[in-house]
Amino acid sequence: MCFPRKPSLGRYSATKADWCRCYRQARIAAGSGLAPDPKSSGIAWKAQLIVAFERRGHDPLAYPVQCRLNAHRIINEIRAEEISLEHVKD
């Protein structure tokens, strides 16, 4: 092969670190309610499209930090109550 393959993801010539950076930026933008920007090019545009249209389900960056902390606190309280109830039963 006359041209060695460069480390990249997909047909876009970018490293894994570049993909991670663009993907994280796209997740943050989507969490802020921004639509994909057609002025973007290359991996930034591809990452925005993936986040906007191909990802389904829970994205932790789509929720504000305070909401995530409140949910974590409530979960910890429920677990603590379950543990205390188990000790009462014994």
PDB file of N, CA and C in Angstrom:
ATOM      1  N   MET A   1       0.855  -1.170   0.000  1.00  0.00           N
ATOM      2  CA  MET A   1       0.000   0.000   0.000  1.00  0.00           C
ATOM      3  C   MET A   1       0.901   1.233   0.000  1.00  0.00           C
ATOM      4  N   CYS A   2       0.672   2.140  -0.921  1.00  0.00           N
ATOM      5  CA  CYS A   2       1.571   3.282  -1.043  1.00  0.00           C
ATOM      6  C   CYS A   2       1.285   4.375  -0.012  1.00  0.00           C
ATOM      7  N   PHE A   3       0.060   4.464   0.494  1.00  0.00           N
ATOM      8  CA  PHE A   3      -0.257   5.464   1.505  1.00  0.00           C
ATOM      9  C   PHE A   3      -0.645   4.761   2.799  1.00  0.00           C
ATOM     10  N   PRO A   4       0.180   4.853   3.831  1.00  0.00           N
ATOM     11  CA  PRO A   4      -0.188   4.193   5.091  1.00  0.00           C
ATOM     12  C   PRO A   4      -1.402   4.875   5.718  1.00  0.00           C
ATOM     13  N   ARG A   5      -2.212   4.076   6.355  1.00  0.00           N
ATOM     14  CA  ARG A   5      -3.419   4.596   6.999  1.00  0.00           C
ATOM     15  C   ARG A   5      -3.044   5.384   8.241  1.00  0.00           C
ATOM     16  N   LYS A   6      -3.607   6.566   8.340  1.00  0.00           N
ATOM     17  CA  LYS A   6      -3.374   7.407   9.516  1.00  0.00           C
ATOM     18  C   LYS A   6      -4.405   7.059  10.580  1.00  0.00           C
ATOM     19  N   PRO A   7      -4.039   7.232  11.855  1.00  0.00           N
ATOM     20  CA  PRO A   7      -5.023   6.950  12.905  1.00  0.00           C
ATOM     21  C   PRO A   7      -6.147   7.983  12.858  1.00  0.00           C
ATOM     22  N   SER A   8      -7.331   7.531  12.504  1.00  0.00           N
ATOM     23  CA  SER A   8      -8.476   8.441  12.437  1.00  0.00           C
ATOM     24  C   SER A   8      -9.749   7.634  12.597  1.00  0.00           C
ATOM     25  N   LEU A   9     -10.832   8.322  12.735  1.00  0.00           N
ATOM     26  CA  LEU A   9     -12.130   7.682  12.857  1.00  0.00           C
ATOM     27  C   LEU A   9     -12.982   8.071  11.656  1.00  0.00           C
ATOM     28  N   GLY A  10     -13.508   7.109  10.954  1.00  0.00           N
ATOM     29  CA  GLY A  10     -14.342   7.393   9.808  1.00  0.00           C
ATOM     30  C   GLY A  10     -13.523   7.923   8.641  1.00  0.00           C
ATOM     31  N   ARG A  11     -14.205   8.598   7.732  1.00  0.00           N
ATOM     32  CA  ARG A  11     -13.505   9.107   6.560  1.00  0.00           C
ATOM     33  C   ARG A  11     -12.890  10.466   6.813  1.00  0.00           C
ATOM     34  N   TYR A  12     -13.150  11.050   7.965  1.00  0.00           N
ATOM     35  CA  TYR A  12     -12.593  12.352   8.303  1.00  0.00           C
ATOM     36  C   TYR A  12     -11.190  12.160   8.868  1.00  0.00           C
ATOM     37  N   SER A  13     -10.284  12.960   8.427  1.00  0.00           N
ATOM     38  CA  SER A  13      -8.905  12.827   8.860  1.00  0.00           C
ATOM     39  C   SER A  13      -8.737  13.540  10.198  1.00  0.00           C
ATOM     40  N   ALA A  14      -8.966  12.817  11.273  1.00  0.00           N
ATOM     41  CA  ALA A  14      -8.856  13.390  12.606  1.00  0.00           C
ATOM     42  C   ALA A  14      -8.452  12.307  13.581  1.00  0.00           C
ATOM     43  N   THR A  15      -7.806  12.715  14.632  1.00  0.00           N
ATOM     44  CA  THR A  15      -7.396  11.765  15.666  1.00  0.00           C
ATOM     45  C   THR A  15      -8.550  11.512  16.621  1.00  0.00           C
ATOM     46  N   LYS A  16      -8.370  10.518  17.453  1.00  0.00           N
ATOM     47  CA  LYS A  16      -9.396  10.207  18.446  1.00  0.00           C
ATOM     48  C   LYS A  16      -9.584  11.372  19.408  1.00  0.00           C
ATOM     49  N   ALA A  17      -8.503  12.043  19.765  1.00  0.00           N
ATOM     50  CA  ALA A  17      -8.601  13.202  20.668  1.00  0.00           C
ATOM     51  C   ALA A  17      -9.431  14.316  20.033  1.00  0.00           C
ATOM     52  N   ASP A  18      -9.255  14.533  18.725  1.00  0.00           N
ATOM     53  CA  ASP A  18     -10.055  15.552  18.031  1.00  0.00           C
ATOM     54  C   ASP A  18     -11.528  15.181  18.034  1.00  0.00           C
ATOM     55  N   TRP A  19     -11.816  13.892  17.797  1.00  0.00           N
ATOM     56  CA  TRP A  19     -13.199  13.439  17.829  1.00  0.00           C
ATOM     57  C   TRP A  19     -13.806  13.648  19.213  1.00  0.00           C
ATOM     58  N   CYS A  20     -13.070  13.289  20.245  1.00  0.00           N
ATOM     59  CA  CYS A  20     -13.582  13.439  21.616  1.00  0.00           C
ATOM     60  C   CYS A  20     -13.873  14.903  21.928  1.00  0.00           C
ATOM     61  N   ARG A  21     -12.980  15.788  21.518  1.00  0.00           N
ATOM     62  CA  ARG A  21     -13.167  17.222  21.760  1.00  0.00           C
ATOM     63  C   ARG A  21     -14.407  17.736  21.030  1.00  0.00           C
ATOM     64  N   CYS A  22     -14.538  17.405  19.758  1.00  0.00           N
ATOM     65  CA  CYS A  22     -15.683  17.872  18.971  1.00  0.00           C
ATOM     66  C   CYS A  22     -16.988  17.260  19.471  1.00  0.00           C
ATOM     67  N   TYR A  23     -16.926  15.999  19.830  1.00  0.00           N
ATOM     68  CA  TYR A  23     -18.122  15.317  20.319  1.00  0.00           C
ATOM     69  C   TYR A  23     -18.591  15.936  21.639  1.00  0.00           C
ATOM     70  N   ARG A  24     -17.638  16.232  22.529  1.00  0.00           N
ATOM     71  CA  ARG A  24     -18.009  16.860  23.796  1.00  0.00           C
ATOM     72  C   ARG A  24     -18.606  18.240  23.561  1.00  0.00           C
ATOM     73  N   GLN A  25     -18.011  19.015  22.671  1.00  0.00           N
ATOM     74  CA  GLN A  25     -18.546  20.345  22.357  1.00  0.00           C
ATOM     75  C   GLN A  25     -19.954  20.237  21.768  1.00  0.00           C
ATOM     76  N   ALA A  26     -20.175  19.231  20.937  1.00  0.00           N
ATOM     77  CA  ALA A  26     -21.497  19.028  20.347  1.00  0.00           C
ATOM     78  C   ALA A  26     -22.517  18.646  21.418  1.00  0.00           C
ATOM     79  N   ARG A  27     -22.124  17.825  22.373  1.00  0.00           N
ATOM     80  CA  ARG A  27     -23.028  17.443  23.462  1.00  0.00           C
ATOM     81  C   ARG A  27     -23.386  18.648  24.326  1.00  0.00           C
ATOM     82  N   ILE A  28     -22.408  19.502  24.605  1.00  0.00           N
ATOM     83  CA  ILE A  28     -22.662  20.694  25.404  1.00  0.00           C
ATOM     84  C   ILE A  28     -23.597  21.638  24.655  1.00  0.00           C
ATOM     85  N   ALA A  29     -23.358  21.812  23.354  1.00  0.00           N
ATOM     86  CA  ALA A  29     -24.220  22.679  22.545  1.00  0.00           C
ATOM     87  C   ALA A  29     -25.644  22.131  22.495  1.00  0.00           C
ATOM     88  N   ALA A  30     -25.785  20.824  22.330  1.00  0.00           N
ATOM     89  CA  ALA A  30     -27.116  20.211  22.293  1.00  0.00           C
ATOM     90  C   ALA A  30     -27.804  20.350  23.640  1.00  0.00           C
ATOM     91  N   GLY A  31     -27.044  20.246  24.715  1.00  0.00           N
ATOM     92  CA  GLY A  31     -27.610  20.425  26.054  1.00  0.00           C
ATOM     93  C   GLY A  31     -28.101  21.839  26.286  1.00  0.00           C
ATOM     94  N   SER A  32     -27.513  22.792  25.574  1.00  0.00           N
ATOM     95  CA  SER A  32     -27.945  24.188  25.670  1.00  0.00           C
ATOM     96  C   SER A  32     -29.100  24.493  24.726  1.00  0.00           C
ATOM     97  N   GLY A  33     -29.506  23.496  23.953  1.00  0.00           N
ATOM     98  CA  GLY A  33     -30.631  23.678  23.046  1.00  0.00           C
ATOM     99  C   GLY A  33     -30.242  24.191  21.671  1.00  0.00           C
ATOM    100  N   LEU A  34     -28.956  24.198  21.357  1.00  0.00           N
ATOM    101  CA  LEU A  34     -28.517  24.682  20.051  1.00  0.00           C
ATOM    102  C   LEU A  34     -28.642  23.583  19.003  1.00  0.00           C
ATOM    103  N   ALA A  35     -29.101  23.958  17.832  1.00  0.00           N
ATOM    104  CA  ALA A  35     -29.189  23.018  16.713  1.00  0.00           C
ATOM    105  C   ALA A  35     -27.826  22.901  16.047  1.00  0.00           C
ATOM    106  N   PRO A  36     -27.612  21.840  15.270  1.00  0.00           N
ATOM    107  CA  PRO A  36     -26.343  21.721  14.546  1.00  0.00           C
ATOM    108  C   PRO A  36     -26.108  22.933  13.643  1.00  0.00           C
ATOM    109  N   ASP A  37     -24.873  23.393  13.605  1.00  0.00           N
ATOM    110  CA  ASP A  37     -24.508  24.580  12.833  1.00  0.00           C
ATOM    111  C   ASP A  37     -23.986  24.153  11.465  1.00  0.00           C
ATOM    112  N   PRO A  38     -24.735  24.448  10.387  1.00  0.00           N
ATOM    113  CA  PRO A  38     -24.289  24.011   9.060  1.00  0.00           C
ATOM    114  C   PRO A  38     -23.024  24.718   8.581  1.00  0.00           C
ATOM    115  N   LYS A  39     -22.611  25.771   9.265  1.00  0.00           N
ATOM    116  CA  LYS A  39     -21.370  26.452   8.903  1.00  0.00           C
ATOM    117  C   LYS A  39     -20.146  25.664   9.376  1.00  0.00           C
ATOM    118  N   SER A  40     -20.353  24.737  10.294  1.00  0.00           N
ATOM    119  CA  SER A  40     -19.253  23.902  10.774  1.00  0.00           C
ATOM    120  C   SER A  40     -18.818  22.963   9.657  1.00  0.00           C
ATOM    121  N   SER A  41     -17.607  22.480   9.761  1.00  0.00           N
ATOM    122  CA  SER A  41     -17.136  21.551   8.735  1.00  0.00           C
ATOM    123  C   SER A  41     -16.414  20.385   9.380  1.00  0.00           C
ATOM    124  N   GLY A  42     -16.219  19.337   8.610  1.00  0.00           N
ATOM    125  CA  GLY A  42     -15.445  18.197   9.063  1.00  0.00           C
ATOM    126  C   GLY A  42     -16.037  17.490  10.257  1.00  0.00           C
ATOM    127  N   ILE A  43     -15.176  17.158  11.213  1.00  0.00           N
ATOM    128  CA  ILE A  43     -15.617  16.343  12.346  1.00  0.00           C
ATOM    129  C   ILE A  43     -16.533  17.106  13.288  1.00  0.00           C
ATOM    130  N   ALA A  44     -16.392  18.435  13.355  1.00  0.00           N
ATOM    131  CA  ALA A  44     -17.293  19.210  14.218  1.00  0.00           C
ATOM    132  C   ALA A  44     -18.732  19.070  13.726  1.00  0.00           C
ATOM    133  N   TRP A  45     -18.932  19.171  12.423  1.00  0.00           N
ATOM    134  CA  TRP A  45     -20.264  19.033  11.832  1.00  0.00           C
ATOM    135  C   TRP A  45     -20.787  17.615  12.013  1.00  0.00           C
ATOM    136  N   LYS A  46     -19.942  16.620  11.765  1.00  0.00           N
ATOM    137  CA  LYS A  46     -20.351  15.228  11.917  1.00  0.00           C
ATOM    138  C   LYS A  46     -20.725  14.928  13.363  1.00  0.00           C
ATOM    139  N   ALA A  47     -19.953  15.421  14.317  1.00  0.00           N
ATOM    140  CA  ALA A  47     -20.257  15.199  15.733  1.00  0.00           C
ATOM    141  C   ALA A  47     -21.587  15.851  16.109  1.00  0.00           C
ATOM    142  N   GLN A  48     -21.853  17.046  15.590  1.00  0.00           N
ATOM    143  CA  GLN A  48     -23.121  17.717  15.874  1.00  0.00           C
ATOM    144  C   GLN A  48     -24.298  16.922  15.319  1.00  0.00           C
ATOM    145  N   LEU A  49     -24.141  16.384  14.120  1.00  0.00           N
ATOM    146  CA  LEU A  49     -25.216  15.587  13.526  1.00  0.00           C
ATOM    147  C   LEU A  49     -25.455  14.299  14.303  1.00  0.00           C
ATOM    148  N   ILE A  50     -24.382  13.661  14.740  1.00  0.00           N
ATOM    149  CA  ILE A  50     -24.525  12.426  15.525  1.00  0.00           C
ATOM    150  C   ILE A  50     -25.268  12.705  16.818  1.00  0.00           C
ATOM    151  N   VAL A  51     -24.862  13.753  17.505  1.00  0.00           N
ATOM    152  CA  VAL A  51     -25.491  14.073  18.788  1.00  0.00           C
ATOM    153  C   VAL A  51     -26.947  14.471  18.584  1.00  0.00           C
ATOM    154  N   ALA A  52     -27.223  15.266  17.560  1.00  0.00           N
ATOM    155  CA  ALA A  52     -28.579  15.782  17.362  1.00  0.00           C
ATOM    156  C   ALA A  52     -29.562  14.732  16.858  1.00  0.00           C
ATOM    157  N   PHE A  53     -29.111  13.834  15.974  1.00  0.00           N
ATOM    158  CA  PHE A  53     -30.071  12.965  15.308  1.00  0.00           C
ATOM    159  C   PHE A  53     -29.873  11.473  15.524  1.00  0.00           C
ATOM    160  N   GLU A  54     -28.702  11.035  15.886  1.00  0.00           N
ATOM    161  CA  GLU A  54     -28.476   9.601  16.006  1.00  0.00           C
ATOM    162  C   GLU A  54     -28.454   9.107  17.440  1.00  0.00           C
ATOM    163  N   ARG A  55     -28.191   9.976  18.389  1.00  0.00           N
ATOM    164  CA  ARG A  55     -28.132   9.547  19.790  1.00  0.00           C
ATOM    165  C   ARG A  55     -29.511   9.619  20.411  1.00  0.00           C
ATOM    166  N   ARG A  56     -29.909   8.551  21.028  1.00  0.00           N
ATOM    167  CA  ARG A  56     -31.176   8.516  21.761  1.00  0.00           C
ATOM    168  C   ARG A  56     -30.851   8.129  23.199  1.00  0.00           C
ATOM    169  N   GLY A  57     -31.696   8.562  24.089  1.00  0.00           N
ATOM    170  CA  GLY A  57     -31.502   8.187  25.479  1.00  0.00           C
ATOM    171  C   GLY A  57     -30.916   9.306  26.313  1.00  0.00           C
ATOM    172  N   HIS A  58     -30.451   8.952  27.466  1.00  0.00           N
ATOM    173  CA  HIS A  58     -29.977   9.906  28.461  1.00  0.00           C
ATOM    174  C   HIS A  58     -28.570  10.393  28.132  1.00  0.00           C
ATOM    175  N   ASP A  59     -28.411  11.696  28.073  1.00  0.00           N
ATOM    176  CA  ASP A  59     -27.093  12.295  27.868  1.00  0.00           C
ATOM    177  C   ASP A  59     -26.813  13.159  29.094  1.00  0.00           C
ATOM    178  N   PRO A  60     -25.846  12.779  29.937  1.00  0.00           N
ATOM    179  CA  PRO A  60     -25.627  13.524  31.178  1.00  0.00           C
ATOM    180  C   PRO A  60     -25.301  15.003  30.972  1.00  0.00           C
ATOM    181  N   LEU A  61     -24.690  15.349  29.862  1.00  0.00           N
ATOM    182  CA  LEU A  61     -24.372  16.759  29.640  1.00  0.00           C
ATOM    183  C   LEU A  61     -25.584  17.571  29.205  1.00  0.00           C
ATOM    184  N   ALA A  62     -26.705  16.906  28.928  1.00  0.00           N
ATOM    185  CA  ALA A  62     -27.904  17.616  28.516  1.00  0.00           C
ATOM    186  C   ALA A  62     -28.630  18.229  29.714  1.00  0.00           C
ATOM    187  N   TYR A  63     -28.223  17.870  30.925  1.00  0.00           N
ATOM    188  CA  TYR A  63     -28.878  18.366  32.129  1.00  0.00           C
ATOM    189  C   TYR A  63     -27.908  19.237  32.916  1.00  0.00           C
ATOM    190  N   PRO A  64     -28.406  20.318  33.513  1.00  0.00           N
ATOM    191  CA  PRO A  64     -27.525  21.177  34.312  1.00  0.00           C
ATOM    192  C   PRO A  64     -26.910  20.416  35.487  1.00  0.00           C
ATOM    193  N   VAL A  65     -25.759  20.880  35.922  1.00  0.00           N
ATOM    194  CA  VAL A  65     -25.038  20.221  37.017  1.00  0.00           C
ATOM    195  C   VAL A  65     -25.881  20.181  38.280  1.00  0.00           C
ATOM    196  N   GLN A  66     -26.583  21.254  38.577  1.00  0.00           N
ATOM    197  CA  GLN A  66     -27.383  21.298  39.804  1.00  0.00           C
ATOM    198  C   GLN A  66     -28.469  20.220  39.794  1.00  0.00           C
ATOM    199  N   CYS A  67     -29.084  19.980  38.644  1.00  0.00           N
ATOM    200  CA  CYS A  67     -30.101  18.921  38.549  1.00  0.00           C
ATOM    201  C   CYS A  67     -29.478  17.549  38.776  1.00  0.00           C
ATOM    202  N   ARG A  68     -28.295  17.333  38.206  1.00  0.00           N
ATOM    203  CA  ARG A  68     -27.621  16.046  38.400  1.00  0.00           C
ATOM    204  C   ARG A  68     -27.227  15.840  39.857  1.00  0.00           C
ATOM    205  N   LEU A  69     -26.759  16.914  40.515  1.00  0.00           N
ATOM    206  CA  LEU A  69     -26.400  16.805  41.932  1.00  0.00           C
ATOM    207  C   LEU A  69     -27.623  16.524  42.797  1.00  0.00           C
ATOM    208  N   ASN A  70     -28.744  17.178  42.488  1.00  0.00           N
ATOM    209  CA  ASN A  70     -29.975  16.929  43.244  1.00  0.00           C
ATOM    210  C   ASN A  70     -30.437  15.487  43.071  1.00  0.00           C
ATOM    211  N   ALA A  71     -30.378  14.981  41.847  1.00  0.00           N
ATOM    212  CA  ALA A  71     -30.772  13.593  41.604  1.00  0.00           C
ATOM    213  C   ALA A  71     -29.848  12.630  42.346  1.00  0.00           C
ATOM    214  N   HIS A  72     -28.558  12.904  42.337  1.00  0.00           N
ATOM    215  CA  HIS A  72     -27.593  12.053  43.040  1.00  0.00           C
ATOM    216  C   HIS A  72     -27.860  12.063  44.545  1.00  0.00           C
ATOM    217  N   ARG A  73     -28.177  13.217  45.087  1.00  0.00           N
ATOM    218  CA  ARG A  73     -28.472  13.346  46.515  1.00  0.00           C
ATOM    219  C   ARG A  73     -29.722  12.539  46.881  1.00  0.00           C
ATOM    220  N   ILE A  74     -30.760  12.617  46.053  1.00  0.00           N
ATOM    221  CA  ILE A  74     -31.996  11.877  46.318  1.00  0.00           C
ATOM    222  C   ILE A  74     -31.740  10.368  46.261  1.00  0.00           C
ATOM    223  N   ILE A  75     -30.977   9.943  45.287  1.00  0.00           N
ATOM    224  CA  ILE A  75     -30.645   8.517  45.178  1.00  0.00           C
ATOM    225  C   ILE A  75     -29.888   8.039  46.406  1.00  0.00           C
ATOM    226  N   ASN A  76     -28.947   8.832  46.869  1.00  0.00           N
ATOM    227  CA  ASN A  76     -28.191   8.466  48.073  1.00  0.00           C
ATOM    228  C   ASN A  76     -29.092   8.387  49.303  1.00  0.00           C
ATOM    229  N   GLU A  77     -30.053   9.295  49.416  1.00  0.00           N
ATOM    230  CA  GLU A  77     -30.995   9.250  50.543  1.00  0.00           C
ATOM    231  C   GLU A  77     -31.841   7.986  50.496  1.00  0.00           C
ATOM    232  N   ILE A  78     -32.303   7.603  49.312  1.00  0.00           N
ATOM    233  CA  ILE A  78     -33.117   6.386  49.174  1.00  0.00           C
ATOM    234  C   ILE A  78     -32.301   5.160  49.545  1.00  0.00           C
ATOM    235  N   ARG A  79     -31.049   5.120  49.080  1.00  0.00           N
ATOM    236  CA  ARG A  79     -30.180   3.983  49.421  1.00  0.00           C
ATOM    237  C   ARG A  79     -29.920   3.920  50.923  1.00  0.00           C
ATOM    238  N   ALA A  80     -29.721   5.066  51.552  1.00  0.00           N
ATOM    239  CA  ALA A  80     -29.481   5.091  52.998  1.00  0.00           C
ATOM    240  C   ALA A  80     -30.708   4.587  53.750  1.00  0.00           C
ATOM    241  N   GLU A  81     -31.915   4.957  53.293  1.00  0.00           N
ATOM    242  CA  GLU A  81     -33.136   4.477  53.935  1.00  0.00           C
ATOM    243  C   GLU A  81     -33.276   2.968  53.778  1.00  0.00           C
ATOM    244  N   GLU A  82     -32.939   2.448  52.589  1.00  0.00           N
ATOM    245  CA  GLU A  82     -33.020   1.005  52.375  1.00  0.00           C
ATOM    246  C   GLU A  82     -32.060   0.262  53.280  1.00  0.00           C
ATOM    247  N   ILE A  83     -30.872   0.780  53.441  1.00  0.00           N
ATOM    248  CA  ILE A  83     -29.864   0.140  54.314  1.00  0.00           C
ATOM    249  C   ILE A  83     -30.339   0.170  55.759  1.00  0.00           C
ATOM    250  N   SER A  84     -30.884   1.291  56.193  1.00  0.00           N
ATOM    251  CA  SER A  84     -31.349   1.378  57.586  1.00  0.00           C
ATOM    252  C   SER A  84     -32.545   0.448  57.812  1.00  0.00           C
ATOM    253  N   LEU A  85     -33.407   0.273  56.829  1.00  0.00           N
ATOM    254  CA  LEU A  85     -34.536  -0.644  56.972  1.00  0.00           C
ATOM    255  C   LEU A  85     -34.067  -2.099  57.020  1.00  0.00           C
ATOM    256  N   GLU A  86     -33.013  -2.401  56.267  1.00  0.00           N
ATOM    257  CA  GLU A  86     -32.478  -3.760  56.310  1.00  0.00           C
ATOM    258  C   GLU A  86     -31.888  -4.077  57.685  1.00  0.00           C
ATOM    259  N   HIS A  87     -31.259  -3.111  58.316  1.00  0.00           N
ATOM    260  CA  HIS A  87     -30.689  -3.323  59.642  1.00  0.00           C
ATOM    261  C   HIS A  87     -31.784  -3.471  60.697  1.00  0.00           C
ATOM    262  N   VAL A  88     -32.918  -2.809  60.505  1.00  0.00           N
ATOM    263  CA  VAL A  88     -34.023  -2.911  61.457  1.00  0.00           C
ATOM    264  C   VAL A  88     -34.645  -4.309  61.364  1.00  0.00           C
ATOM    265  N   LYS A  89     -34.731  -4.860  60.149  1.00  0.00           N
ATOM    266  CA  LYS A  89     -35.329  -6.177  59.949  1.00  0.00           C
ATOM    267  C   LYS A  89     -34.468  -7.272  60.589  1.00  0.00           C
ATOM    268  N   ASP A  90     -33.163  -7.098  60.603  1.00  0.00           N
ATOM    269  CA  ASP A  90     -32.255  -8.116  61.152  1.00  0.00           C
ATOM    270  C   ASP A  90     -32.330  -8.122  62.608  1.00  0.00           C
TER     271      ASP A  90
END
